[in-house]
Protein backbone atom coordinates (compact mmCIF):
# COMPACT_ATOMS: atom_id res chain seq x y z
CA MET A 1 101.98 77.59 99.28
CA SER A 2 98.52 78.07 100.93
CA ASP A 3 95.80 75.27 101.01
CA SER A 4 93.77 77.17 98.50
CA GLU A 5 96.73 77.04 95.85
CA TYR A 6 97.43 73.42 96.23
CA ASP A 7 95.12 70.68 94.81
CA PRO A 8 96.67 67.33 94.15
CA ASP A 9 93.58 66.12 92.27
CA TYR A 10 93.37 69.13 90.06
CA GLN A 11 93.43 68.34 86.14
CA PRO A 12 92.96 71.17 83.88
CA SER A 13 90.38 70.53 81.32
CA SER A 14 90.97 71.05 77.53
CA HIS A 15 88.99 74.36 77.81
CA GLU A 16 91.07 75.96 80.34
CA PRO A 17 94.51 77.80 79.21
CA SER A 18 97.46 75.86 79.86
CA ASP A 19 100.90 76.94 81.02
CA SER A 20 102.48 75.83 77.84
CA LEU A 21 103.37 78.23 75.04
CA SER A 22 102.07 76.04 72.31
CA SER A 23 98.77 76.69 70.52
CA ASP A 24 96.92 75.23 67.52
CA SER A 25 95.77 78.54 65.90
CA GLY A 26 98.24 80.52 63.62
CA GLU A 27 97.42 84.28 64.00
CA ASN A 28 96.08 84.04 67.53
CA SER A 29 99.17 82.07 68.45
CA GLU A 30 101.32 85.14 68.03
CA GLU A 31 98.95 87.34 69.93
CA SER A 32 98.72 84.77 72.74
CA LEU A 33 102.63 84.36 72.89
CA SER A 34 102.97 88.06 72.99
CA ASN A 35 100.49 88.42 75.86
CA GLN A 36 102.03 85.60 77.65
CA ARG A 37 105.53 86.94 77.27
CA GLN A 38 104.19 90.33 78.62
CA PHE A 39 102.65 88.67 81.65
CA GLN A 40 105.94 86.70 82.36
CA ARG A 41 108.08 89.95 82.20
CA SER A 42 105.86 91.66 84.75
CA THR A 43 105.80 88.91 87.44
CA LYS A 44 108.46 87.49 89.66
CA PRO A 45 109.52 83.71 89.62
CA SER A 46 107.13 81.55 91.11
CA GLY A 47 109.17 80.82 94.36
CA SER A 48 108.90 84.46 95.40
CA HIS A 49 105.64 85.31 93.88
CA THR A 50 102.94 87.01 95.84
CA LEU A 51 99.80 88.59 94.59
CA SER A 52 101.04 92.14 95.61
CA GLU A 53 104.13 91.78 93.67
CA SER A 54 102.64 91.23 90.31
CA SER A 55 101.46 93.80 88.04
CA TRP A 56 99.59 93.55 84.75
CA SER A 57 99.92 96.20 81.89
CA ILE A 58 98.52 96.36 78.52
CA PRO A 59 100.70 94.74 76.00
CA THR A 60 102.25 97.22 73.58
CA ASP A 61 103.78 94.62 71.19
CA GLY A 62 101.22 93.31 68.89
CA PRO A 63 97.87 94.13 67.36
CA ARG A 64 95.30 95.73 69.75
CA LYS A 65 91.49 95.04 69.73
CA LYS A 66 89.25 97.78 68.64
CA GLN A 67 87.93 99.90 71.42
CA PHE A 68 84.38 101.01 71.15
CA SER A 69 83.01 104.17 72.71
CA PHE A 70 80.20 104.01 75.34
CA THR A 71 77.10 106.09 74.01
CA ALA A 72 74.45 104.96 76.13
CA ILE A 73 73.43 106.83 79.52
CA PRO A 74 75.16 105.44 82.39
CA GLY A 75 73.53 104.56 85.64
CA ILE A 76 70.89 102.42 87.16
CA LYS A 77 67.58 102.22 85.30
CA ASN A 78 64.12 101.59 86.42
CA ILE A 79 64.64 102.30 90.07
CA SER A 80 61.61 101.02 92.09
CA PRO A 81 60.10 104.00 94.27
CA ASN A 82 60.16 101.46 97.20
CA CYS A 83 63.97 101.83 97.43
CA GLN A 84 64.50 104.45 99.87
CA ASN A 85 67.61 103.53 101.55
CA GLU A 86 70.69 101.15 101.28
CA PHE A 87 69.07 98.22 102.92
CA ASP A 88 66.11 98.29 100.24
CA PHE A 89 68.66 97.96 97.46
CA TRP A 90 70.36 95.15 99.19
CA SER A 91 66.89 93.54 99.63
CA LEU A 92 66.53 93.53 95.82
CA LEU A 93 69.46 91.20 95.60
CA VAL A 94 69.11 89.23 98.82
CA ASP A 95 65.37 88.51 99.40
CA GLU A 96 63.77 86.84 102.42
CA GLU A 97 63.73 83.42 100.38
CA ILE A 98 67.57 83.63 100.11
CA ILE A 99 67.95 84.55 103.87
CA HIS A 100 65.48 81.65 104.91
CA MET A 101 67.62 79.29 102.69
CA MET A 102 70.71 80.36 104.51
CA VAL A 103 69.05 79.96 107.97
CA THR A 104 67.95 76.47 106.91
CA MET A 105 71.24 75.48 105.47
CA THR A 106 73.22 76.86 108.49
CA ASN A 107 70.97 74.95 111.08
CA SER A 108 71.21 71.95 109.01
CA TYR A 109 74.96 71.90 108.87
CA ALA A 110 75.33 72.45 112.59
CA ASN A 111 72.87 69.63 113.21
CA LYS A 112 74.73 67.39 110.89
CA LYS A 113 78.09 68.14 112.47
CA ASN A 114 76.51 67.40 115.93
CA ILE A 115 75.25 63.89 114.84
CA ILE A 116 78.34 62.90 112.76
CA HIS A 117 81.16 64.13 115.19
CA HIS A 118 81.53 63.25 118.71
CA VAL A 119 81.02 66.48 120.33
CA THR A 120 82.29 67.03 123.81
CA ARG A 121 80.00 68.62 126.37
CA ASN A 122 82.32 71.89 126.48
CA SER A 123 82.33 72.43 122.73
CA ARG A 124 80.85 75.31 121.25
CA LEU A 125 78.92 73.11 118.88
CA ALA A 126 77.45 71.32 121.85
CA LYS A 127 75.86 74.64 122.87
CA TRP A 128 74.55 75.39 119.42
CA LYS A 129 71.02 77.07 119.22
CA ASN A 130 69.19 77.40 115.91
CA CYS A 131 69.78 80.69 114.19
CA ASP A 132 67.06 82.84 112.70
CA PRO A 133 66.71 85.44 109.89
CA ALA A 134 67.56 88.28 112.29
CA GLU A 135 70.82 86.62 113.15
CA ILE A 136 71.79 85.88 109.46
CA LYS A 137 71.15 89.53 108.53
CA LYS A 138 73.32 90.51 111.37
CA ILE A 139 76.28 88.44 110.28
CA LEU A 140 75.95 89.49 106.75
CA GLY A 141 76.02 93.09 107.98
CA LEU A 142 79.03 92.30 109.93
CA LEU A 143 80.78 90.69 107.06
CA LEU A 144 80.06 93.74 104.79
CA TRP A 145 81.27 95.96 107.45
CA MET A 146 84.46 93.98 107.70
CA GLY A 147 85.11 94.46 104.02
CA LEU A 148 84.59 98.13 104.22
CA LYS A 149 86.41 98.95 107.47
CA LYS A 150 89.78 97.27 107.80
CA LEU A 151 90.90 96.44 111.45
CA PRO A 152 94.41 94.85 112.44
CA LYS A 153 92.67 91.66 113.93
CA ILE A 154 89.41 90.03 113.52
CA SER A 155 88.82 90.00 117.30
CA ASP A 156 88.94 93.80 116.96
CA TYR A 157 85.49 93.76 115.39
CA TRP A 158 84.09 92.56 118.68
CA SER A 159 86.38 94.77 121.02
CA LYS A 160 84.99 97.41 123.11
CA ASP A 161 88.27 99.29 123.42
CA ILE A 162 88.83 100.14 119.68
CA PRO A 163 86.23 102.54 118.02
CA ILE A 164 85.22 100.76 114.67
CA ILE A 165 83.75 103.99 113.19
């Protein structure tokens, strides 16, 4: 079990679905049980369960919700004439204010780590230099590229031997 799956302090709230098969509602209870049985049939026991081994399928036993046809015109509406390339569209979502906030928080975190922890002279953190907006944009670009172009090892993204395109 990975660290992300284990939380000894976790207590599900009353609003979150529980693992039990009981329910307070009558009609929805049957549908819920049907859906849960379908999910249980399509997954392996928890000891050997991995994300790639599970599959989801639409339940065929029980009532189905009504499907509505989409009648609107798909696509992006009201595109700004200033958006000429991919970066312009990205800037609509992540503007300079967000970038500056990331710079401030990153530098603040590094400085706090330097103050709180005993940093040795040879530590990378001892050699920390404050980052700037250009550096944050570069790391965000690299993270996006890492999501688009899969390489065997993270160090391959900095390698000069393996072409990344």
